[in-house]
């Protein structure tokens, strides 16, 4: 059934209220003939009253029950819609054309799912700026089964920071996995492509989104990445992950040198070491004590829920 609603789903936990207000102001009440509705699922924010003052549809869950996939499934499927749009609370929508650009390929049946471009914040470091431009270029990309040979693991790169998917296809594919530490969006992308659909990267659907991770945070994040790949080999096609990291490092080095910031070269190598060591330990998490995994992970709640 074709429900004339575009549902924008945003999980929150102690968000910056100004960011949410700015994003809401850029979401039109109607786009391409569809009504838009914003749904919030909150995991115990201190500023929940302010969130409720901004949005009509807010549900709360216990912080301990949060899960990247399960929480998004909960909010996505609680009411009918034609298209589901996923945003994170710190993704700042740049213009009122964002939503139309993001969903138009789905409306035109050019793709079953889309994701948008993430641009660095004004105060982002040079290394973080490079990371945004490396992963989010200034041109559209169509990805499907025929892309795997050329793109490798990047064929399944898909980000819930700002993404959209046809609701019926989302349901048919079983939604997001609810048992992964992270990269629930990548698993969904694998499902979409394996089912014969297109995913489109839409560079004109822009949001501001970047992070300034410390070396320890880079280690922790990549420990979780390694854990994800170790635990999901059956879900993922046999594609190389490590090769993408080498490509990133080489291009990052050229970027730093081209900007005359050779003083950052030691930091480039330190970040690469933090990422690689975290990733390799994460891949071997089964032989590590649970206490270490809780410390080494950016998602410690995953291990606290674990039966290990």
C-alpha atoms as a PDB file:
ATOM      1  CA  UNK A   1       0.000   0.000   0.000  1.00  0.00           C
ATOM      2  CA  UNK A   2       1.287   3.453  -0.889  1.00  0.00           C
ATOM      3  CA  UNK A   3       1.130   5.648   2.221  1.00  0.00           C
ATOM      4  CA  UNK A   4       1.668   9.326   1.267  1.00  0.00           C
ATOM      5  CA  UNK A   5       4.146  10.013   4.076  1.00  0.00           C
ATOM      6  CA  UNK A   6       7.888  10.543   4.193  1.00  0.00           C
ATOM      7  CA  UNK A   7       8.966   9.586   7.726  1.00  0.00           C
ATOM      8  CA  UNK A   8      12.157  11.180   9.039  1.00  0.00           C
ATOM      9  CA  UNK A   9      13.587   9.068  11.868  1.00  0.00           C
ATOM     10  CA  UNK A  10      16.051  10.597  14.343  1.00  0.00           C
ATOM     11  CA  UNK A  11      17.456   8.771  17.398  1.00  0.00           C
ATOM     12  CA  UNK A  12      18.482  11.189  20.158  1.00  0.00           C
ATOM     13  CA  UNK A  13      20.489  11.225  23.369  1.00  0.00           C
ATOM     14  CA  UNK A  14      21.248  14.596  24.964  1.00  0.00           C
ATOM     15  CA  UNK A  15      21.273  16.387  21.595  1.00  0.00           C
ATOM     16  CA  UNK A  16      22.195  20.010  20.997  1.00  0.00           C
ATOM     17  CA  UNK A  17      18.736  21.534  20.734  1.00  0.00           C
ATOM     18  CA  UNK A  18      19.892  24.250  18.341  1.00  0.00           C
ATOM     19  CA  UNK A  19      21.051  21.575  15.889  1.00  0.00           C
ATOM     20  CA  UNK A  20      17.648  19.868  15.957  1.00  0.00           C
ATOM     21  CA  UNK A  21      15.840  23.175  15.484  1.00  0.00           C
ATOM     22  CA  UNK A  22      18.023  24.073  12.485  1.00  0.00           C
ATOM     23  CA  UNK A  23      17.349  20.695  10.880  1.00  0.00           C
ATOM     24  CA  UNK A  24      13.605  20.889  11.519  1.00  0.00           C
ATOM     25  CA  UNK A  25      13.463  24.306   9.871  1.00  0.00           C
ATOM     26  CA  UNK A  26      14.920  22.807   6.668  1.00  0.00           C
ATOM     27  CA  UNK A  27      12.355  19.986   6.453  1.00  0.00           C
ATOM     28  CA  UNK A  28       9.306  21.129   4.442  1.00  0.00           C
ATOM     29  CA  UNK A  29       5.862  19.911   5.498  1.00  0.00           C
ATOM     30  CA  UNK A  30       5.369  18.446   2.013  1.00  0.00           C
ATOM     31  CA  UNK A  31       7.781  17.277  -0.677  1.00  0.00           C
ATOM     32  CA  UNK A  32       7.017  15.852  -4.127  1.00  0.00           C
ATOM     33  CA  UNK A  33       3.392  15.397  -3.128  1.00  0.00           C
ATOM     34  CA  UNK A  34       4.181  13.547   0.120  1.00  0.00           C
ATOM     35  CA  UNK A  35       3.526  14.772   3.643  1.00  0.00           C
ATOM     36  CA  UNK A  36       6.580  14.746   5.912  1.00  0.00           C
ATOM     37  CA  UNK A  37       6.562  13.560   9.516  1.00  0.00           C
ATOM     38  CA  UNK A  38       9.502  13.638  11.934  1.00  0.00           C
ATOM     39  CA  UNK A  39       9.706  10.854  14.512  1.00  0.00           C
ATOM     40  CA  UNK A  40      12.123  10.909  17.445  1.00  0.00           C
ATOM     41  CA  UNK A  41      13.210   7.954  19.560  1.00  0.00           C
ATOM     42  CA  UNK A  42      15.039   9.147  22.651  1.00  0.00           C
ATOM     43  CA  UNK A  43      17.274   7.082  24.917  1.00  0.00           C
ATOM     44  CA  UNK A  44      16.896   9.080  28.125  1.00  0.00           C
ATOM     45  CA  UNK A  45      17.994  12.628  27.304  1.00  0.00           C
ATOM     46  CA  UNK A  46      18.395  15.147  30.106  1.00  0.00           C
ATOM     47  CA  UNK A  47      16.708  17.721  27.852  1.00  0.00           C
ATOM     48  CA  UNK A  48      13.729  15.554  26.875  1.00  0.00           C
ATOM     49  CA  UNK A  49      11.245  18.323  27.707  1.00  0.00           C
ATOM     50  CA  UNK A  50      12.919  20.620  25.182  1.00  0.00           C
ATOM     51  CA  UNK A  51      12.806  17.851  22.561  1.00  0.00           C
ATOM     52  CA  UNK A  52       9.092  17.360  23.176  1.00  0.00           C
ATOM     53  CA  UNK A  53       8.549  21.096  22.745  1.00  0.00           C
ATOM     54  CA  UNK A  54      10.023  20.884  19.238  1.00  0.00           C
ATOM     55  CA  UNK A  55       8.600  17.605  17.929  1.00  0.00           C
ATOM     56  CA  UNK A  56       5.139  16.079  18.186  1.00  0.00           C
ATOM     57  CA  UNK A  57       6.140  12.436  17.747  1.00  0.00           C
ATOM     58  CA  UNK A  58       8.613  11.496  20.476  1.00  0.00           C
ATOM     59  CA  UNK A  59       8.936   8.111  22.128  1.00  0.00           C
ATOM     60  CA  UNK A  60      11.364   7.189  24.869  1.00  0.00           C
ATOM     61  CA  UNK A  61      13.265   3.989  25.480  1.00  0.00           C
ATOM     62  CA  UNK A  62      15.569   3.023  28.296  1.00  0.00           C
ATOM     63  CA  UNK A  63      19.184   3.918  27.574  1.00  0.00           C
ATOM     64  CA  UNK A  64      20.249   0.349  28.336  1.00  0.00           C
ATOM     65  CA  UNK A  65      18.021  -0.989  25.557  1.00  0.00           C
ATOM     66  CA  UNK A  66      19.548   1.177  22.809  1.00  0.00           C
ATOM     67  CA  UNK A  67      20.860  -0.679  19.779  1.00  0.00           C
ATOM     68  CA  UNK A  68      21.784   0.980  16.477  1.00  0.00           C
ATOM     69  CA  UNK A  69      19.669  -1.384  14.384  1.00  0.00           C
ATOM     70  CA  UNK A  70      16.841  -2.237  16.773  1.00  0.00           C
ATOM     71  CA  UNK A  71      16.210   1.361  17.810  1.00  0.00           C
ATOM     72  CA  UNK A  72      15.970   2.505  14.194  1.00  0.00           C
ATOM     73  CA  UNK A  73      13.674  -0.405  13.331  1.00  0.00           C
ATOM     74  CA  UNK A  74      11.437   0.563  16.243  1.00  0.00           C
ATOM     75  CA  UNK A  75      10.949   4.135  15.128  1.00  0.00           C
ATOM     76  CA  UNK A  76      10.832   3.363  11.408  1.00  0.00           C
ATOM     77  CA  UNK A  77       8.041   0.809  11.599  1.00  0.00           C
ATOM     78  CA  UNK A  78       5.794   2.255  14.283  1.00  0.00           C
ATOM     79  CA  UNK A  79       3.653   4.099  11.696  1.00  0.00           C
ATOM     80  CA  UNK A  80       2.998   3.753   7.930  1.00  0.00           C
ATOM     81  CA  UNK A  81       5.107   5.579   5.366  1.00  0.00           C
ATOM     82  CA  UNK A  82       6.162   5.493   1.724  1.00  0.00           C
ATOM     83  CA  UNK A  83       9.820   6.329   2.333  1.00  0.00           C
ATOM     84  CA  UNK A  84      11.971   6.199   5.450  1.00  0.00           C
ATOM     85  CA  UNK A  85      14.634   8.847   5.975  1.00  0.00           C
ATOM     86  CA  UNK A  86      17.270   8.365   8.660  1.00  0.00           C
ATOM     87  CA  UNK A  87      19.201  11.232  10.215  1.00  0.00           C
ATOM     88  CA  UNK A  88      21.468  11.461  13.229  1.00  0.00           C
ATOM     89  CA  UNK A  89      20.949  14.196  15.784  1.00  0.00           C
ATOM     90  CA  UNK A  90      24.223  15.933  14.828  1.00  0.00           C
ATOM     91  CA  UNK A  91      23.630  15.990  11.073  1.00  0.00           C
ATOM     92  CA  UNK A  92      22.847  19.598  10.139  1.00  0.00           C
ATOM     93  CA  UNK A  93      20.644  19.799   7.054  1.00  0.00           C
ATOM     94  CA  UNK A  94      21.884  22.596   4.807  1.00  0.00           C
ATOM     95  CA  UNK A  95      18.899  23.522   2.662  1.00  0.00           C
ATOM     96  CA  UNK A  96      15.211  22.948   2.045  1.00  0.00           C
ATOM     97  CA  UNK A  97      16.120  21.085  -1.149  1.00  0.00           C
ATOM     98  CA  UNK A  98      17.936  18.395   0.867  1.00  0.00           C
ATOM     99  CA  UNK A  99      14.953  16.117   1.348  1.00  0.00           C
ATOM    100  CA  UNK A 100      13.734  16.342  -2.249  1.00  0.00           C
ATOM    101  CA  UNK A 101      17.231  15.582  -3.538  1.00  0.00           C
ATOM    102  CA  UNK A 102      17.561  12.602  -1.198  1.00  0.00           C
ATOM    103  CA  UNK A 103      14.229  10.921  -1.964  1.00  0.00           C
ATOM    104  CA  UNK A 104      13.765  11.801  -5.649  1.00  0.00           C
ATOM    105  CA  UNK A 105      15.739   8.785  -6.976  1.00  0.00           C
ATOM    106  CA  UNK A 106      13.456   6.515  -4.929  1.00  0.00           C
ATOM    107  CA  UNK A 107      10.295   8.214  -6.188  1.00  0.00           C
ATOM    108  CA  UNK A 108      11.583   7.851  -9.785  1.00  0.00           C
ATOM    109  CA  UNK A 109      12.519   4.180  -9.173  1.00  0.00           C
ATOM    110  CA  UNK A 110      16.158   4.900 -10.001  1.00  0.00           C
ATOM    111  CA  UNK A 111      17.200   3.420  -6.659  1.00  0.00           C
ATOM    112  CA  UNK A 112      15.700   1.600  -3.693  1.00  0.00           C
ATOM    113  CA  UNK A 113      17.892   3.471  -1.247  1.00  0.00           C
ATOM    114  CA  UNK A 114      19.964   6.656  -1.163  1.00  0.00           C
ATOM    115  CA  UNK A 115      22.420   8.423   1.090  1.00  0.00           C
ATOM    116  CA  UNK A 116      23.675  11.979   1.135  1.00  0.00           C
ATOM    117  CA  UNK A 117      26.878  13.932   1.291  1.00  0.00           C
ATOM    118  CA  UNK A 118      28.548  14.762   4.609  1.00  0.00           C
ATOM    119  CA  UNK A 119      30.574  17.959   4.689  1.00  0.00           C
ATOM    120  CA  UNK A 120      33.003  18.930   7.471  1.00  0.00           C
ATOM    121  CA  UNK A 121      32.149  21.518  10.070  1.00  0.00           C
ATOM    122  CA  UNK A 122      33.775  24.923   9.663  1.00  0.00           C
ATOM    123  CA  UNK A 123      36.194  24.234  12.509  1.00  0.00           C
ATOM    124  CA  UNK A 124      37.083  20.703  11.356  1.00  0.00           C
ATOM    125  CA  UNK A 125      40.750  19.746  11.319  1.00  0.00           C
ATOM    126  CA  UNK A 126      42.547  19.190   8.011  1.00  0.00           C
ATOM    127  CA  UNK A 127      42.620  15.424   8.568  1.00  0.00           C
ATOM    128  CA  UNK A 128      38.912  15.261   9.304  1.00  0.00           C
ATOM    129  CA  UNK A 129      38.163  17.489   6.319  1.00  0.00           C
ATOM    130  CA  UNK A 130      40.056  15.064   4.106  1.00  0.00           C
ATOM    131  CA  UNK A 131      38.089  12.143   5.555  1.00  0.00           C
ATOM    132  CA  UNK A 132      34.768  13.789   4.578  1.00  0.00           C
ATOM    133  CA  UNK A 133      35.928  14.520   1.026  1.00  0.00           C
ATOM    134  CA  UNK A 134      37.450  11.054   0.616  1.00  0.00           C
ATOM    135  CA  UNK A 135      34.206   9.298   1.527  1.00  0.00           C
ATOM    136  CA  UNK A 136      31.739  11.829   0.107  1.00  0.00           C
ATOM    137  CA  UNK A 137      32.801  13.149  -3.340  1.00  0.00           C
ATOM    138  CA  UNK A 138      31.177  15.937  -5.347  1.00  0.00           C
ATOM    139  CA  UNK A 139      29.403  13.665  -7.847  1.00  0.00           C
ATOM    140  CA  UNK A 140      26.613  11.098  -7.725  1.00  0.00           C
ATOM    141  CA  UNK A 141      27.341   7.357  -7.612  1.00  0.00           C
ATOM    142  CA  UNK A 142      25.039   4.450  -8.478  1.00  0.00           C
ATOM    143  CA  UNK A 143      25.979   1.206  -6.722  1.00  0.00           C
ATOM    144  CA  UNK A 144      24.658  -2.272  -7.445  1.00  0.00           C
ATOM    145  CA  UNK A 145      25.897  -5.843  -7.842  1.00  0.00           C
ATOM    146  CA  UNK A 146      27.993  -4.911 -10.868  1.00  0.00           C
ATOM    147  CA  UNK A 147      29.894  -2.345  -8.753  1.00  0.00           C
ATOM    148  CA  UNK A 148      31.426  -4.870  -6.376  1.00  0.00           C
ATOM    149  CA  UNK A 149      34.340  -5.849  -8.607  1.00  0.00           C
ATOM    150  CA  UNK A 150      35.471  -2.231  -9.017  1.00  0.00           C
ATOM    151  CA  UNK A 151      34.529  -0.781  -5.626  1.00  0.00           C
ATOM    152  CA  UNK A 152      35.133  -3.731  -3.328  1.00  0.00           C
ATOM    153  CA  UNK A 153      33.842  -3.063   0.185  1.00  0.00           C
ATOM    154  CA  UNK A 154      33.022   0.542  -0.836  1.00  0.00           C
ATOM    155  CA  UNK A 155      30.124  -0.882  -2.886  1.00  0.00           C
ATOM    156  CA  UNK A 156      28.371  -1.342   0.463  1.00  0.00           C
ATOM    157  CA  UNK A 157      29.370   1.975   1.994  1.00  0.00           C
ATOM    158  CA  UNK A 158      26.093   3.537   3.121  1.00  0.00           C
ATOM    159  CA  UNK A 159      25.590   5.922   6.022  1.00  0.00           C
ATOM    160  CA  UNK A 160      22.637   6.392   8.356  1.00  0.00           C
ATOM    161  CA  UNK A 161      23.853   9.895   9.127  1.00  0.00           C
ATOM    162  CA  UNK A 162      21.557  10.840   6.237  1.00  0.00           C
ATOM    163  CA  UNK A 163      19.920   8.102   4.182  1.00  0.00           C
ATOM    164  CA  UNK A 164      16.583   7.042   2.737  1.00  0.00           C
ATOM    165  CA  UNK A 165      14.948   3.804   1.635  1.00  0.00           C
ATOM    166  CA  UNK A 166      11.631   2.635   0.214  1.00  0.00           C
ATOM    167  CA  UNK A 167       9.620   1.437   3.226  1.00  0.00           C
ATOM    168  CA  UNK A 168       8.217  -1.713   1.622  1.00  0.00           C
ATOM    169  CA  UNK A 169      11.667  -2.794   0.476  1.00  0.00           C
ATOM    170  CA  UNK A 170      13.015  -2.040   3.953  1.00  0.00           C
ATOM    171  CA  UNK A 171      10.351  -4.315   5.443  1.00  0.00           C
ATOM    172  CA  UNK A 172      10.820  -7.043   2.843  1.00  0.00           C
ATOM    173  CA  UNK A 173      14.548  -7.137   3.575  1.00  0.00           C
ATOM    174  CA  UNK A 174      13.987  -7.394   7.316  1.00  0.00           C
ATOM    175  CA  UNK A 175      15.146  -3.891   8.204  1.00  0.00           C
ATOM    176  CA  UNK A 176      18.389  -3.337  10.054  1.00  0.00           C
ATOM    177  CA  UNK A 177      20.173  -6.185  11.818  1.00  0.00           C
ATOM    178  CA  UNK A 178      19.731  -5.981  15.579  1.00  0.00           C
ATOM    179  CA  UNK A 179      22.763  -7.993  16.671  1.00  0.00           C
ATOM    180  CA  UNK A 180      25.708  -5.968  15.335  1.00  0.00           C
ATOM    181  CA  UNK A 181      27.982  -3.639  17.260  1.00  0.00           C
ATOM    182  CA  UNK A 182      27.902  -1.050  14.440  1.00  0.00           C
ATOM    183  CA  UNK A 183      27.633  -0.817  10.631  1.00  0.00           C
ATOM    184  CA  UNK A 184      23.974  -1.806  10.642  1.00  0.00           C
ATOM    185  CA  UNK A 185      23.716   0.477   7.608  1.00  0.00           C
ATOM    186  CA  UNK A 186      26.358  -1.524   5.732  1.00  0.00           C
ATOM    187  CA  UNK A 187      24.473  -4.778   6.364  1.00  0.00           C
ATOM    188  CA  UNK A 188      21.307  -3.155   5.017  1.00  0.00           C
ATOM    189  CA  UNK A 189      23.234  -2.029   1.923  1.00  0.00           C
ATOM    190  CA  UNK A 190      24.402  -5.601   1.349  1.00  0.00           C
ATOM    191  CA  UNK A 191      20.773  -6.749   1.522  1.00  0.00           C
ATOM    192  CA  UNK A 192      19.619  -4.069  -0.909  1.00  0.00           C
ATOM    193  CA  UNK A 193      22.312  -4.814  -3.479  1.00  0.00           C
ATOM    194  CA  UNK A 194      22.023  -8.587  -3.071  1.00  0.00           C
ATOM    195  CA  UNK A 195      18.288  -8.298  -3.779  1.00  0.00           C
ATOM    196  CA  UNK A 196      19.079  -6.678  -7.135  1.00  0.00           C
ATOM    197  CA  UNK A 197      18.340  -3.039  -6.265  1.00  0.00           C
ATOM    198  CA  UNK A 198      20.368   0.123  -6.789  1.00  0.00           C
ATOM    199  CA  UNK A 199      21.748   2.382  -4.072  1.00  0.00           C
ATOM    200  CA  UNK A 200      22.431   5.977  -5.068  1.00  0.00           C
ATOM    201  CA  UNK A 201      24.814   8.397  -3.418  1.00  0.00           C
ATOM    202  CA  UNK A 202      23.266  11.843  -3.923  1.00  0.00           C
ATOM    203  CA  UNK A 203      25.902  14.530  -3.561  1.00  0.00           C
ATOM    204  CA  UNK A 204      23.363  17.383  -3.583  1.00  0.00           C
ATOM    205  CA  UNK A 205      21.659  15.999  -0.470  1.00  0.00           C
ATOM    206  CA  UNK A 206      24.115  17.704   1.866  1.00  0.00           C
ATOM    207  CA  UNK A 207      24.479  17.773   5.633  1.00  0.00           C
ATOM    208  CA  UNK A 208      27.189  19.124   7.902  1.00  0.00           C
ATOM    209  CA  UNK A 209      28.614  16.248   9.926  1.00  0.00           C
ATOM    210  CA  UNK A 210      32.117  15.559  11.187  1.00  0.00           C
ATOM    211  CA  UNK A 211      33.928  14.415  14.328  1.00  0.00           C
ATOM    212  CA  UNK A 212      37.244  15.252  15.932  1.00  0.00           C
ATOM    213  CA  UNK A 213      38.272  11.888  17.341  1.00  0.00           C
ATOM    214  CA  UNK A 214      41.299  11.577  19.588  1.00  0.00           C
ATOM    215  CA  UNK A 215      43.821   8.802  18.943  1.00  0.00           C
ATOM    216  CA  UNK A 216      42.144   6.703  21.650  1.00  0.00           C
ATOM    217  CA  UNK A 217      38.733   7.266  20.071  1.00  0.00           C
ATOM    218  CA  UNK A 218      40.146   6.287  16.659  1.00  0.00           C
ATOM    219  CA  UNK A 219      41.433   3.081  18.262  1.00  0.00           C
ATOM    220  CA  UNK A 220      38.086   2.360  19.913  1.00  0.00           C
ATOM    221  CA  UNK A 221      36.049   3.041  16.790  1.00  0.00           C
ATOM    222  CA  UNK A 222      38.242   0.772  14.698  1.00  0.00           C
ATOM    223  CA  UNK A 223      38.219  -1.912  17.369  1.00  0.00           C
ATOM    224  CA  UNK A 224      34.451  -1.976  16.802  1.00  0.00           C
ATOM    225  CA  UNK A 225      34.931  -2.015  13.025  1.00  0.00           C
ATOM    226  CA  UNK A 226      37.199  -5.043  13.366  1.00  0.00           C
ATOM    227  CA  UNK A 227      34.672  -6.702  15.668  1.00  0.00           C
ATOM    228  CA  UNK A 228      31.928  -6.111  13.125  1.00  0.00           C
ATOM    229  CA  UNK A 229      33.868  -7.706  10.273  1.00  0.00           C
ATOM    230  CA  UNK A 230      34.947 -10.633  12.445  1.00  0.00           C
ATOM    231  CA  UNK A 231      31.355 -11.365  13.451  1.00  0.00           C
ATOM    232  CA  UNK A 232      29.663 -10.855  10.087  1.00  0.00           C
ATOM    233  CA  UNK A 233      31.681 -12.764   7.511  1.00  0.00           C
ATOM    234  CA  UNK A 234      28.601 -14.802   6.591  1.00  0.00           C
ATOM    235  CA  UNK A 235      26.627 -11.640   5.863  1.00  0.00           C
ATOM    236  CA  UNK A 236      29.237  -9.902   3.749  1.00  0.00           C
ATOM    237  CA  UNK A 237      30.607 -10.774   0.317  1.00  0.00           C
ATOM    238  CA  UNK A 238      34.275 -11.707   0.197  1.00  0.00           C
ATOM    239  CA  UNK A 239      35.734  -8.255  -0.438  1.00  0.00           C
ATOM    240  CA  UNK A 240      38.956  -6.682   0.792  1.00  0.00           C
ATOM    241  CA  UNK A 241      38.731  -4.213   3.658  1.00  0.00           C
ATOM    242  CA  UNK A 242      42.402  -3.591   4.354  1.00  0.00           C
ATOM    243  CA  UNK A 243      43.081  -2.319   0.810  1.00  0.00           C
ATOM    244  CA  UNK A 244      40.692   0.580   1.354  1.00  0.00           C
ATOM    245  CA  UNK A 245      42.673   1.632   4.421  1.00  0.00           C
ATOM    246  CA  UNK A 246      45.917   1.722   2.458  1.00  0.00           C
ATOM    247  CA  UNK A 247      44.265   3.823  -0.264  1.00  0.00           C
ATOM    248  CA  UNK A 248      42.952   6.236   2.390  1.00  0.00           C
ATOM    249  CA  UNK A 249      46.406   6.636   3.973  1.00  0.00           C
ATOM    250  CA  UNK A 250      48.159   7.334   0.654  1.00  0.00           C
ATOM    251  CA  UNK A 251      45.622   9.926  -0.444  1.00  0.00           C
ATOM    252  CA  UNK A 252      45.546  11.529   3.005  1.00  0.00           C
ATOM    253  CA  UNK A 253      49.317  11.938   2.906  1.00  0.00           C
ATOM    254  CA  UNK A 254      49.133  13.631  -0.493  1.00  0.00           C
ATOM    255  CA  UNK A 255      46.331  15.892   0.763  1.00  0.00           C
ATOM    256  CA  UNK A 256      48.350  17.011   3.775  1.00  0.00           C
ATOM    257  CA  UNK A 257      51.465  17.704   1.678  1.00  0.00           C
ATOM    258  CA  UNK A 258      49.473  19.572  -1.002  1.00  0.00           C
ATOM    259  CA  UNK A 259      48.127  21.874   1.729  1.00  0.00           C
ATOM    260  CA  UNK A 260      51.616  22.616   2.995  1.00  0.00           C
ATOM    261  CA  UNK A 261      50.984  20.956   6.364  1.00  0.00           C
ATOM    262  CA  UNK A 262      53.944  18.581   6.518  1.00  0.00           C
ATOM    263  CA  UNK A 263      53.984  19.068  10.305  1.00  0.00           C
ATOM    264  CA  UNK A 264      50.874  16.846  10.394  1.00  0.00           C
ATOM    265  CA  UNK A 265      52.668  13.854   8.867  1.00  0.00           C
ATOM    266  CA  UNK A 266      53.546  12.317  12.286  1.00  0.00           C
ATOM    267  CA  UNK A 267      49.874  12.600  13.274  1.00  0.00           C
ATOM    268  CA  UNK A 268      48.838  10.912  10.024  1.00  0.00           C
ATOM    269  CA  UNK A 269      50.973   7.895  10.925  1.00  0.00           C
ATOM    270  CA  UNK A 270      49.840   7.896  14.560  1.00  0.00           C
ATOM    271  CA  UNK A 271      46.193   7.883  13.454  1.00  0.00           C
ATOM    272  CA  UNK A 272      46.908   5.104  10.969  1.00  0.00           C
ATOM    273  CA  UNK A 273      48.553   3.045  13.726  1.00  0.00           C
ATOM    274  CA  UNK A 274      45.645   3.655  16.123  1.00  0.00           C
ATOM    275  CA  UNK A 275      43.137   2.599  13.467  1.00  0.00           C
ATOM    276  CA  UNK A 276      45.085  -0.470  12.333  1.00  0.00           C
ATOM    277  CA  UNK A 277      45.862  -1.738  15.826  1.00  0.00           C
ATOM    278  CA  UNK A 278      42.264  -1.234  16.926  1.00  0.00           C
ATOM    279  CA  UNK A 279      40.946  -2.980  13.826  1.00  0.00           C
ATOM    280  CA  UNK A 280      43.288  -5.956  14.148  1.00  0.00           C
ATOM    281  CA  UNK A 281      42.483  -6.429  17.838  1.00  0.00           C
ATOM    282  CA  UNK A 282      38.764  -6.151  17.093  1.00  0.00           C
ATOM    283  CA  UNK A 283      39.058  -8.894  14.478  1.00  0.00           C
ATOM    284  CA  UNK A 284      40.522 -11.087  17.251  1.00  0.00           C
ATOM    285  CA  UNK A 285      38.097 -10.060  19.985  1.00  0.00           C
ATOM    286  CA  UNK A 286      37.055 -13.652  20.721  1.00  0.00           C
ATOM    287  CA  UNK A 287      40.384 -14.358  22.392  1.00  0.00           C
ATOM    288  CA  UNK A 288      40.299 -11.185  24.482  1.00  0.00           C
ATOM    289  CA  UNK A 289      38.828 -10.888  27.994  1.00  0.00           C
ATOM    290  CA  UNK A 290      35.477  -9.137  28.240  1.00  0.00           C
ATOM    291  CA  UNK A 291      36.910  -6.485  30.570  1.00  0.00           C
ATOM    292  CA  UNK A 292      39.360  -5.415  27.864  1.00  0.00           C
ATOM    293  CA  UNK A 293      36.638  -5.328  25.199  1.00  0.00           C
ATOM    294  CA  UNK A 294      34.474  -3.055  27.350  1.00  0.00           C
ATOM    295  CA  UNK A 295      37.429  -0.662  27.660  1.00  0.00           C
ATOM    296  CA  UNK A 296      38.571  -0.940  24.024  1.00  0.00           C
ATOM    297  CA  UNK A 297      35.151  -0.398  22.462  1.00  0.00           C
ATOM    298  CA  UNK A 298      33.339   2.818  21.602  1.00  0.00           C
ATOM    299  CA  UNK A 299      30.132   0.833  22.133  1.00  0.00           C
ATOM    300  CA  UNK A 300      30.789  -0.685  25.552  1.00  0.00           C
ATOM    301  CA  UNK A 301      27.087  -1.388  26.065  1.00  0.00           C
ATOM    302  CA  UNK A 302      27.370  -4.070  23.360  1.00  0.00           C
ATOM    303  CA  UNK A 303      29.747  -6.073  25.538  1.00  0.00           C
ATOM    304  CA  UNK A 304      27.787  -5.425  28.738  1.00  0.00           C
ATOM    305  CA  UNK A 305      24.798  -7.056  27.020  1.00  0.00           C
ATOM    306  CA  UNK A 306      26.944  -9.916  25.732  1.00  0.00           C
ATOM    307  CA  UNK A 307      26.531 -13.369  27.234  1.00  0.00           C
ATOM    308  CA  UNK A 308      30.282 -13.992  27.092  1.00  0.00           C
END
